[in-house]
Each structure stands twice: as C-alpha cells, then as structure tokens.
Amino acid sequence: MASPSDDPPAPQMPKVLPLPLRWLLKIFAGMCLILGVVGVFVPGLPTTVFILMAAWAAARSSPALFRWLWHHRLFGPMLRNWANGGCVSRRSKWSATLMMALSSVILVFTDAPRWAVVLACICMACVLAWLWRRREPAR
C-alpha cells in the first residue's frame, strides 16, 4: 500500500481569496464532498464529478482539505488522474456505465413521466460517450 509520501505532491495553490469567498467555497467543498461520498453508495449520483468540484473549491479555500483529498486512498487517485491530463481509469468508466445502466432501468419502472425518463437516459448516454473518450492513465 502506498503511503502519502509516495504520492506526487499536490499542485500549487491559487492566490488567496477574500475571507467571505473562502468561507463560501469551503461550504461548497463540504457539500460536494458529502454528495460525492453519498454517490459511492447511491446509483445515479456521480461520485467523480462531486469530488472534482470539492477539490476545486478546496484548492481555493482550504489547503488542508485539498491535501487530504489529494492524498486520500479513494479520492486521491481520481484527482491525480484528472490533474494528469483529464485521465479516467477504466474501472471508473465501467463503474459509471453500470451505475447509469442501473439508474436507467430503475427510471423505466417508476411513475416518472416518459419525457423525463427519455431525457435522463439521453443525458446519461451523452455523459458515457464523453467519458469513454477520455484518456486512461498509464499503468
């Protein structure tokens, strides 16, 4: 198991922002982190997007939270891959594909209006097409 010292260093922090803006970004980062963690367990709720947004906000408001995310065993590789040219691991691509397929099946069997089901499925298909075109990290 790799230790945090084996991970590449976190990127440079942006310039310091005014205190009220930093607090707003800290709250936003916390909310995105919570949604990202929930997304690990709830089909249809994306983990990666929320973790990327949490890291973006934390980089501008909380260096400690950003370092924690960067070196986290689950979220760190995702962030480092993205920072390294927008790479997405094959495992993440398959996970997203399976979760979106499951979400589509669930939607089909609910009382949701047909237009909403079709729109959601089209959006998920577009996201998957984009995701599968992303480069994969070098092994």
N, C-alpha and C. Protein backbone atom coordinates (compact mmCIF):
# COMPACT_ATOMS: atom_id res chain seq x y z
N MET A 1 0.85 -1.19 0.00
CA MET A 1 0.00 0.00 0.00
C MET A 1 0.88 1.23 0.00
N ALA A 2 0.58 2.15 -0.86
CA ALA A 2 1.38 3.36 -0.98
C ALA A 2 1.07 4.31 0.16
N SER A 3 2.09 4.93 0.66
CA SER A 3 1.89 5.92 1.71
C SER A 3 1.72 7.28 1.07
N PRO A 4 1.17 8.25 1.83
CA PRO A 4 1.00 9.59 1.25
C PRO A 4 2.31 10.18 0.74
N SER A 5 3.44 9.76 1.32
CA SER A 5 4.71 10.30 0.86
C SER A 5 5.06 9.76 -0.53
N ASP A 6 4.45 8.63 -0.96
CA ASP A 6 4.70 8.08 -2.28
C ASP A 6 3.90 8.80 -3.37
N ASP A 7 2.84 9.51 -2.97
CA ASP A 7 2.01 10.22 -3.93
C ASP A 7 2.75 11.44 -4.45
N PRO A 8 2.46 11.84 -5.68
CA PRO A 8 3.07 13.07 -6.17
C PRO A 8 2.59 14.26 -5.34
N PRO A 9 3.38 15.30 -5.27
CA PRO A 9 2.97 16.46 -4.47
C PRO A 9 1.73 17.11 -5.07
N ALA A 10 0.94 17.72 -4.21
CA ALA A 10 -0.26 18.43 -4.67
C ALA A 10 0.17 19.64 -5.49
N PRO A 11 -0.66 20.03 -6.47
CA PRO A 11 -0.31 21.20 -7.27
C PRO A 11 -0.31 22.47 -6.42
N GLN A 12 0.29 23.51 -6.97
CA GLN A 12 0.35 24.79 -6.27
C GLN A 12 -1.05 25.34 -6.02
N MET A 13 -1.21 26.00 -4.88
CA MET A 13 -2.48 26.61 -4.52
C MET A 13 -2.64 27.95 -5.26
N PRO A 14 -3.87 28.27 -5.67
CA PRO A 14 -4.10 29.57 -6.29
C PRO A 14 -3.94 30.70 -5.27
N LYS A 15 -4.02 31.94 -5.76
CA LYS A 15 -3.87 33.09 -4.88
C LYS A 15 -4.94 33.10 -3.79
N VAL A 16 -4.64 33.79 -2.71
CA VAL A 16 -5.56 33.86 -1.56
C VAL A 16 -6.76 34.75 -1.92
N LEU A 17 -7.94 34.25 -1.61
CA LEU A 17 -9.18 34.97 -1.90
C LEU A 17 -9.67 35.69 -0.64
N PRO A 18 -10.60 36.64 -0.79
CA PRO A 18 -11.17 37.31 0.39
C PRO A 18 -11.87 36.29 1.30
N LEU A 19 -11.87 36.58 2.60
CA LEU A 19 -12.39 35.65 3.60
C LEU A 19 -13.83 35.21 3.34
N PRO A 20 -14.77 36.11 3.03
CA PRO A 20 -16.15 35.64 2.78
C PRO A 20 -16.23 34.65 1.61
N LEU A 21 -15.46 34.90 0.57
CA LEU A 21 -15.47 33.99 -0.57
C LEU A 21 -14.85 32.65 -0.20
N ARG A 22 -13.79 32.68 0.60
CA ARG A 22 -13.18 31.42 1.06
C ARG A 22 -14.18 30.60 1.86
N TRP A 23 -14.97 31.25 2.73
CA TRP A 23 -15.96 30.51 3.52
C TRP A 23 -17.04 29.90 2.62
N LEU A 24 -17.48 30.66 1.63
CA LEU A 24 -18.48 30.12 0.70
C LEU A 24 -17.91 28.92 -0.05
N LEU A 25 -16.67 29.01 -0.48
CA LEU A 25 -16.04 27.89 -1.19
C LEU A 25 -15.83 26.69 -0.26
N LYS A 26 -15.52 26.94 1.02
CA LYS A 26 -15.37 25.84 1.98
C LYS A 26 -16.70 25.11 2.15
N ILE A 27 -17.78 25.86 2.26
CA ILE A 27 -19.11 25.25 2.39
C ILE A 27 -19.44 24.46 1.13
N PHE A 28 -19.17 25.05 -0.03
CA PHE A 28 -19.41 24.36 -1.30
C PHE A 28 -18.58 23.08 -1.37
N ALA A 29 -17.31 23.15 -0.98
CA ALA A 29 -16.44 21.97 -1.00
C ALA A 29 -16.99 20.89 -0.07
N GLY A 30 -17.44 21.28 1.11
CA GLY A 30 -18.01 20.31 2.05
C GLY A 30 -19.26 19.65 1.50
N MET A 31 -20.14 20.45 0.90
CA MET A 31 -21.36 19.89 0.32
C MET A 31 -21.04 18.93 -0.82
N CYS A 32 -20.10 19.31 -1.68
CA CYS A 32 -19.71 18.44 -2.79
C CYS A 32 -19.07 17.15 -2.28
N LEU A 33 -18.26 17.26 -1.23
CA LEU A 33 -17.63 16.07 -0.67
C LEU A 33 -18.68 15.12 -0.10
N ILE A 34 -19.66 15.67 0.61
CA ILE A 34 -20.74 14.83 1.16
C ILE A 34 -21.50 14.15 0.02
N LEU A 35 -21.85 14.91 -1.01
CA LEU A 35 -22.57 14.32 -2.15
C LEU A 35 -21.72 13.28 -2.86
N GLY A 36 -20.42 13.51 -2.95
CA GLY A 36 -19.53 12.53 -3.56
C GLY A 36 -19.47 11.24 -2.78
N VAL A 37 -19.43 11.34 -1.46
CA VAL A 37 -19.41 10.14 -0.61
C VAL A 37 -20.74 9.40 -0.73
N VAL A 38 -21.84 10.14 -0.72
CA VAL A 38 -23.15 9.50 -0.90
C VAL A 38 -23.22 8.83 -2.26
N GLY A 39 -22.62 9.45 -3.28
CA GLY A 39 -22.62 8.90 -4.62
C GLY A 39 -21.90 7.56 -4.74
N VAL A 40 -21.02 7.26 -3.78
CA VAL A 40 -20.37 5.95 -3.78
C VAL A 40 -21.41 4.85 -3.58
N PHE A 41 -22.46 5.15 -2.82
CA PHE A 41 -23.45 4.14 -2.44
C PHE A 41 -24.78 4.25 -3.19
N VAL A 42 -25.07 5.40 -3.78
CA VAL A 42 -26.37 5.62 -4.43
C VAL A 42 -26.22 5.60 -5.94
N PRO A 43 -26.87 4.66 -6.62
CA PRO A 43 -26.77 4.64 -8.08
C PRO A 43 -27.34 5.91 -8.69
N GLY A 44 -26.68 6.41 -9.71
CA GLY A 44 -27.16 7.60 -10.39
C GLY A 44 -26.59 8.89 -9.86
N LEU A 45 -26.03 8.88 -8.66
CA LEU A 45 -25.43 10.08 -8.10
C LEU A 45 -23.92 10.00 -8.36
N PRO A 46 -23.37 10.90 -9.17
CA PRO A 46 -21.98 10.76 -9.57
C PRO A 46 -21.00 11.10 -8.45
N THR A 47 -20.04 10.25 -8.25
CA THR A 47 -19.00 10.49 -7.24
C THR A 47 -17.92 11.39 -7.80
N THR A 48 -17.40 11.04 -8.97
CA THR A 48 -16.24 11.73 -9.53
C THR A 48 -16.48 13.22 -9.70
N VAL A 49 -17.60 13.58 -10.27
CA VAL A 49 -17.89 15.00 -10.52
C VAL A 49 -17.90 15.79 -9.22
N PHE A 50 -18.55 15.26 -8.19
CA PHE A 50 -18.62 15.97 -6.92
C PHE A 50 -17.26 16.06 -6.24
N ILE A 51 -16.44 15.02 -6.36
CA ILE A 51 -15.11 15.06 -5.75
C ILE A 51 -14.23 16.06 -6.50
N LEU A 52 -14.34 16.10 -7.82
CA LEU A 52 -13.58 17.10 -8.58
C LEU A 52 -13.99 18.52 -8.20
N MET A 53 -15.30 18.75 -8.03
CA MET A 53 -15.76 20.09 -7.63
C MET A 53 -15.31 20.41 -6.20
N ALA A 54 -15.33 19.41 -5.32
CA ALA A 54 -14.86 19.62 -3.94
C ALA A 54 -13.39 19.99 -3.94
N ALA A 55 -12.59 19.29 -4.74
CA ALA A 55 -11.15 19.59 -4.80
C ALA A 55 -10.91 20.98 -5.38
N TRP A 56 -11.66 21.35 -6.40
CA TRP A 56 -11.52 22.69 -6.98
C TRP A 56 -11.79 23.76 -5.93
N ALA A 57 -12.90 23.61 -5.21
CA ALA A 57 -13.25 24.61 -4.19
C ALA A 57 -12.26 24.57 -3.03
N ALA A 58 -11.83 23.39 -2.62
CA ALA A 58 -10.89 23.28 -1.50
C ALA A 58 -9.53 23.88 -1.87
N ALA A 59 -9.11 23.74 -3.12
CA ALA A 59 -7.83 24.31 -3.55
C ALA A 59 -7.83 25.82 -3.41
N ARG A 60 -9.00 26.43 -3.47
CA ARG A 60 -9.11 27.88 -3.38
C ARG A 60 -9.49 28.37 -1.99
N SER A 61 -9.84 27.45 -1.10
CA SER A 61 -10.33 27.91 0.21
C SER A 61 -9.71 27.19 1.40
N SER A 62 -9.30 25.96 1.24
CA SER A 62 -8.81 25.17 2.37
C SER A 62 -7.67 24.25 1.94
N PRO A 63 -6.45 24.73 2.05
CA PRO A 63 -5.31 23.88 1.66
C PRO A 63 -5.28 22.54 2.40
N ALA A 64 -5.71 22.53 3.66
CA ALA A 64 -5.70 21.28 4.43
C ALA A 64 -6.69 20.27 3.83
N LEU A 65 -7.89 20.71 3.51
CA LEU A 65 -8.88 19.81 2.90
C LEU A 65 -8.40 19.34 1.54
N PHE A 66 -7.80 20.24 0.76
CA PHE A 66 -7.30 19.85 -0.55
C PHE A 66 -6.20 18.79 -0.41
N ARG A 67 -5.27 18.99 0.51
CA ARG A 67 -4.20 17.99 0.72
C ARG A 67 -4.79 16.66 1.15
N TRP A 68 -5.80 16.70 2.03
CA TRP A 68 -6.45 15.46 2.49
C TRP A 68 -7.09 14.73 1.30
N LEU A 69 -7.80 15.46 0.45
CA LEU A 69 -8.41 14.85 -0.73
C LEU A 69 -7.35 14.30 -1.67
N TRP A 70 -6.29 15.07 -1.89
CA TRP A 70 -5.24 14.69 -2.83
C TRP A 70 -4.55 13.38 -2.41
N HIS A 71 -4.40 13.19 -1.09
CA HIS A 71 -3.71 12.01 -0.58
C HIS A 71 -4.66 10.90 -0.12
N HIS A 72 -5.97 11.11 -0.26
CA HIS A 72 -6.96 10.12 0.18
C HIS A 72 -6.82 8.85 -0.65
N ARG A 73 -7.02 7.71 -0.02
CA ARG A 73 -6.83 6.42 -0.68
C ARG A 73 -7.83 6.20 -1.81
N LEU A 74 -9.06 6.69 -1.69
CA LEU A 74 -10.08 6.50 -2.71
C LEU A 74 -10.14 7.69 -3.69
N PHE A 75 -10.13 8.90 -3.14
CA PHE A 75 -10.32 10.09 -3.97
C PHE A 75 -9.02 10.60 -4.60
N GLY A 76 -7.89 10.35 -3.96
CA GLY A 76 -6.61 10.85 -4.45
C GLY A 76 -6.27 10.39 -5.85
N PRO A 77 -6.33 9.08 -6.13
CA PRO A 77 -6.00 8.65 -7.50
C PRO A 77 -6.90 9.28 -8.56
N MET A 78 -8.17 9.45 -8.22
CA MET A 78 -9.11 10.07 -9.15
C MET A 78 -8.67 11.51 -9.46
N LEU A 79 -8.30 12.25 -8.42
CA LEU A 79 -7.88 13.65 -8.60
C LEU A 79 -6.55 13.73 -9.34
N ARG A 80 -5.62 12.87 -8.99
CA ARG A 80 -4.31 12.90 -9.66
C ARG A 80 -4.44 12.51 -11.13
N ASN A 81 -5.28 11.52 -11.43
CA ASN A 81 -5.50 11.15 -12.83
C ASN A 81 -6.09 12.31 -13.60
N TRP A 82 -7.06 13.00 -13.00
CA TRP A 82 -7.69 14.12 -13.68
C TRP A 82 -6.69 15.25 -13.88
N ALA A 83 -5.87 15.52 -12.87
CA ALA A 83 -4.86 16.58 -12.98
C ALA A 83 -3.81 16.22 -14.03
N ASN A 84 -3.64 14.94 -14.29
CA ASN A 84 -2.66 14.47 -15.27
C ASN A 84 -3.32 14.32 -16.64
N GLY A 85 -3.93 15.37 -17.12
CA GLY A 85 -4.47 15.36 -18.48
C GLY A 85 -5.91 14.90 -18.60
N GLY A 86 -6.68 14.94 -17.53
CA GLY A 86 -8.09 14.55 -17.62
C GLY A 86 -8.29 13.06 -17.82
N CYS A 87 -7.39 12.26 -17.27
CA CYS A 87 -7.49 10.80 -17.41
C CYS A 87 -8.57 10.24 -16.49
N VAL A 88 -9.22 9.17 -16.96
CA VAL A 88 -10.22 8.46 -16.16
C VAL A 88 -9.90 6.97 -16.27
N SER A 89 -9.81 6.30 -15.13
CA SER A 89 -9.44 4.89 -15.15
C SER A 89 -10.54 4.04 -15.79
N ARG A 90 -10.14 2.92 -16.35
CA ARG A 90 -11.11 2.01 -16.98
C ARG A 90 -12.11 1.52 -15.94
N ARG A 91 -11.64 1.26 -14.72
CA ARG A 91 -12.53 0.81 -13.65
C ARG A 91 -13.62 1.86 -13.38
N SER A 92 -13.22 3.13 -13.35
CA SER A 92 -14.20 4.20 -13.14
C SER A 92 -15.19 4.29 -14.29
N LYS A 93 -14.70 4.08 -15.50
CA LYS A 93 -15.59 4.11 -16.66
C LYS A 93 -16.62 2.99 -16.59
N TRP A 94 -16.18 1.78 -16.25
CA TRP A 94 -17.11 0.66 -16.13
C TRP A 94 -18.08 0.87 -14.98
N SER A 95 -17.59 1.39 -13.88
CA SER A 95 -18.45 1.65 -12.73
C SER A 95 -19.55 2.65 -13.09
N ALA A 96 -19.16 3.73 -13.77
CA ALA A 96 -20.14 4.73 -14.19
C ALA A 96 -21.14 4.13 -15.17
N THR A 97 -20.66 3.30 -16.09
CA THR A 97 -21.54 2.67 -17.07
C THR A 97 -22.57 1.78 -16.38
N LEU A 98 -22.11 0.96 -15.45
CA LEU A 98 -23.03 0.05 -14.74
C LEU A 98 -24.04 0.83 -13.89
N MET A 99 -23.57 1.86 -13.19
CA MET A 99 -24.48 2.64 -12.35
C MET A 99 -25.51 3.39 -13.18
N MET A 100 -25.09 3.92 -14.32
CA MET A 100 -26.05 4.63 -15.18
C MET A 100 -27.03 3.66 -15.82
N ALA A 101 -26.57 2.47 -16.17
CA ALA A 101 -27.49 1.46 -16.71
C ALA A 101 -28.52 1.07 -15.65
N LEU A 102 -28.05 0.85 -14.42
CA LEU A 102 -28.97 0.52 -13.33
C LEU A 102 -29.96 1.66 -13.09
N SER A 103 -29.47 2.89 -13.11
CA SER A 103 -30.35 4.04 -12.93
C SER A 103 -31.40 4.12 -14.04
N SER A 104 -30.99 3.81 -15.26
CA SER A 104 -31.94 3.84 -16.38
C SER A 104 -33.03 2.79 -16.21
N VAL A 105 -32.64 1.59 -15.78
CA VAL A 105 -33.62 0.53 -15.56
C VAL A 105 -34.59 0.93 -14.45
N ILE A 106 -34.05 1.49 -13.38
CA ILE A 106 -34.92 1.94 -12.28
C ILE A 106 -35.89 3.01 -12.77
N LEU A 107 -35.38 3.96 -13.55
CA LEU A 107 -36.25 5.02 -14.08
C LEU A 107 -37.37 4.48 -14.94
N VAL A 108 -37.07 3.49 -15.75
CA VAL A 108 -38.08 2.92 -16.65
C VAL A 108 -39.25 2.33 -15.86
N PHE A 109 -38.95 1.78 -14.69
CA PHE A 109 -40.00 1.12 -13.89
C PHE A 109 -40.61 2.02 -12.82
N THR A 110 -40.41 3.33 -12.92
CA THR A 110 -41.03 4.26 -11.98
C THR A 110 -42.20 4.97 -12.66
N ASP A 111 -42.87 5.79 -11.87
CA ASP A 111 -44.00 6.57 -12.40
C ASP A 111 -43.57 7.89 -13.02
N ALA A 112 -42.28 8.06 -13.25
CA ALA A 112 -41.79 9.31 -13.83
C ALA A 112 -42.39 9.50 -15.22
N PRO A 113 -42.63 10.75 -15.60
CA PRO A 113 -43.15 11.00 -16.96
C PRO A 113 -42.17 10.46 -18.01
N ARG A 114 -42.72 9.92 -19.08
CA ARG A 114 -41.87 9.32 -20.13
C ARG A 114 -40.83 10.30 -20.64
N TRP A 115 -41.21 11.59 -20.82
CA TRP A 115 -40.27 12.57 -21.35
C TRP A 115 -39.08 12.71 -20.40
N ALA A 116 -39.33 12.63 -19.09
CA ALA A 116 -38.24 12.76 -18.11
C ALA A 116 -37.31 11.55 -18.16
N VAL A 117 -37.90 10.36 -18.33
CA VAL A 117 -37.10 9.14 -18.43
C VAL A 117 -36.23 9.20 -19.68
N VAL A 118 -36.83 9.58 -20.80
CA VAL A 118 -36.09 9.66 -22.07
C VAL A 118 -34.97 10.70 -21.96
N LEU A 119 -35.30 11.87 -21.41
CA LEU A 119 -34.30 12.92 -21.27
C LEU A 119 -33.14 12.47 -20.37
N ALA A 120 -33.46 11.83 -19.25
CA ALA A 120 -32.41 11.34 -18.34
C ALA A 120 -31.53 10.30 -19.03
N CYS A 121 -32.14 9.39 -19.76
CA CYS A 121 -31.37 8.35 -20.46
C CYS A 121 -30.49 8.96 -21.55
N ILE A 122 -30.99 9.96 -22.26
CA ILE A 122 -30.19 10.63 -23.28
C ILE A 122 -29.01 11.35 -22.63
N CYS A 123 -29.25 12.03 -21.52
CA CYS A 123 -28.16 12.73 -20.81
C CYS A 123 -27.10 11.74 -20.34
N MET A 124 -27.54 10.61 -19.78
CA MET A 124 -26.58 9.61 -19.31
C MET A 124 -25.80 9.03 -20.48
N ALA A 125 -26.45 8.81 -21.62
CA ALA A 125 -25.76 8.29 -22.79
C ALA A 125 -24.71 9.28 -23.29
N CYS A 126 -25.03 10.56 -23.26
CA CYS A 126 -24.07 11.59 -23.69
C CYS A 126 -22.87 11.63 -22.73
N VAL A 127 -23.13 11.56 -21.46
CA VAL A 127 -22.04 11.56 -20.47
C VAL A 127 -21.15 10.34 -20.67
N LEU A 128 -21.76 9.18 -20.89
CA LEU A 128 -20.97 7.97 -21.10
C LEU A 128 -20.14 8.06 -22.38
N ALA A 129 -20.71 8.62 -23.44
CA ALA A 129 -19.94 8.78 -24.68
C ALA A 129 -18.73 9.67 -24.43
N TRP A 130 -18.93 10.76 -23.71
CA TRP A 130 -17.82 11.65 -23.37
C TRP A 130 -16.80 10.93 -22.48
N LEU A 131 -17.29 10.22 -21.48
CA LEU A 131 -16.41 9.55 -20.51
C LEU A 131 -15.54 8.50 -21.18
N TRP A 132 -16.12 7.70 -22.05
CA TRP A 132 -15.34 6.63 -22.69
C TRP A 132 -14.33 7.17 -23.69
N ARG A 133 -14.46 8.43 -24.09
CA ARG A 133 -13.49 9.03 -24.98
C ARG A 133 -12.30 9.63 -24.21
N ARG A 134 -12.41 9.70 -22.88
CA ARG A 134 -11.30 10.24 -22.06
C ARG A 134 -10.14 9.26 -22.08
N ARG A 135 -8.95 9.80 -22.03
CA ARG A 135 -7.73 9.00 -21.96
C ARG A 135 -7.69 8.23 -20.65
N GLU A 136 -7.05 7.07 -20.66
CA GLU A 136 -6.86 6.29 -19.43
C GLU A 136 -5.45 6.51 -18.91
N PRO A 137 -5.26 6.50 -17.59
CA PRO A 137 -3.92 6.74 -17.04
C PRO A 137 -2.96 5.61 -17.42
N ALA A 138 -1.69 5.97 -17.52
CA ALA A 138 -0.67 4.96 -17.80
C ALA A 138 -0.54 4.04 -16.61
N ARG A 139 -0.29 2.79 -16.86
CA ARG A 139 -0.19 1.82 -15.75
C ARG A 139 1.14 1.84 -15.12
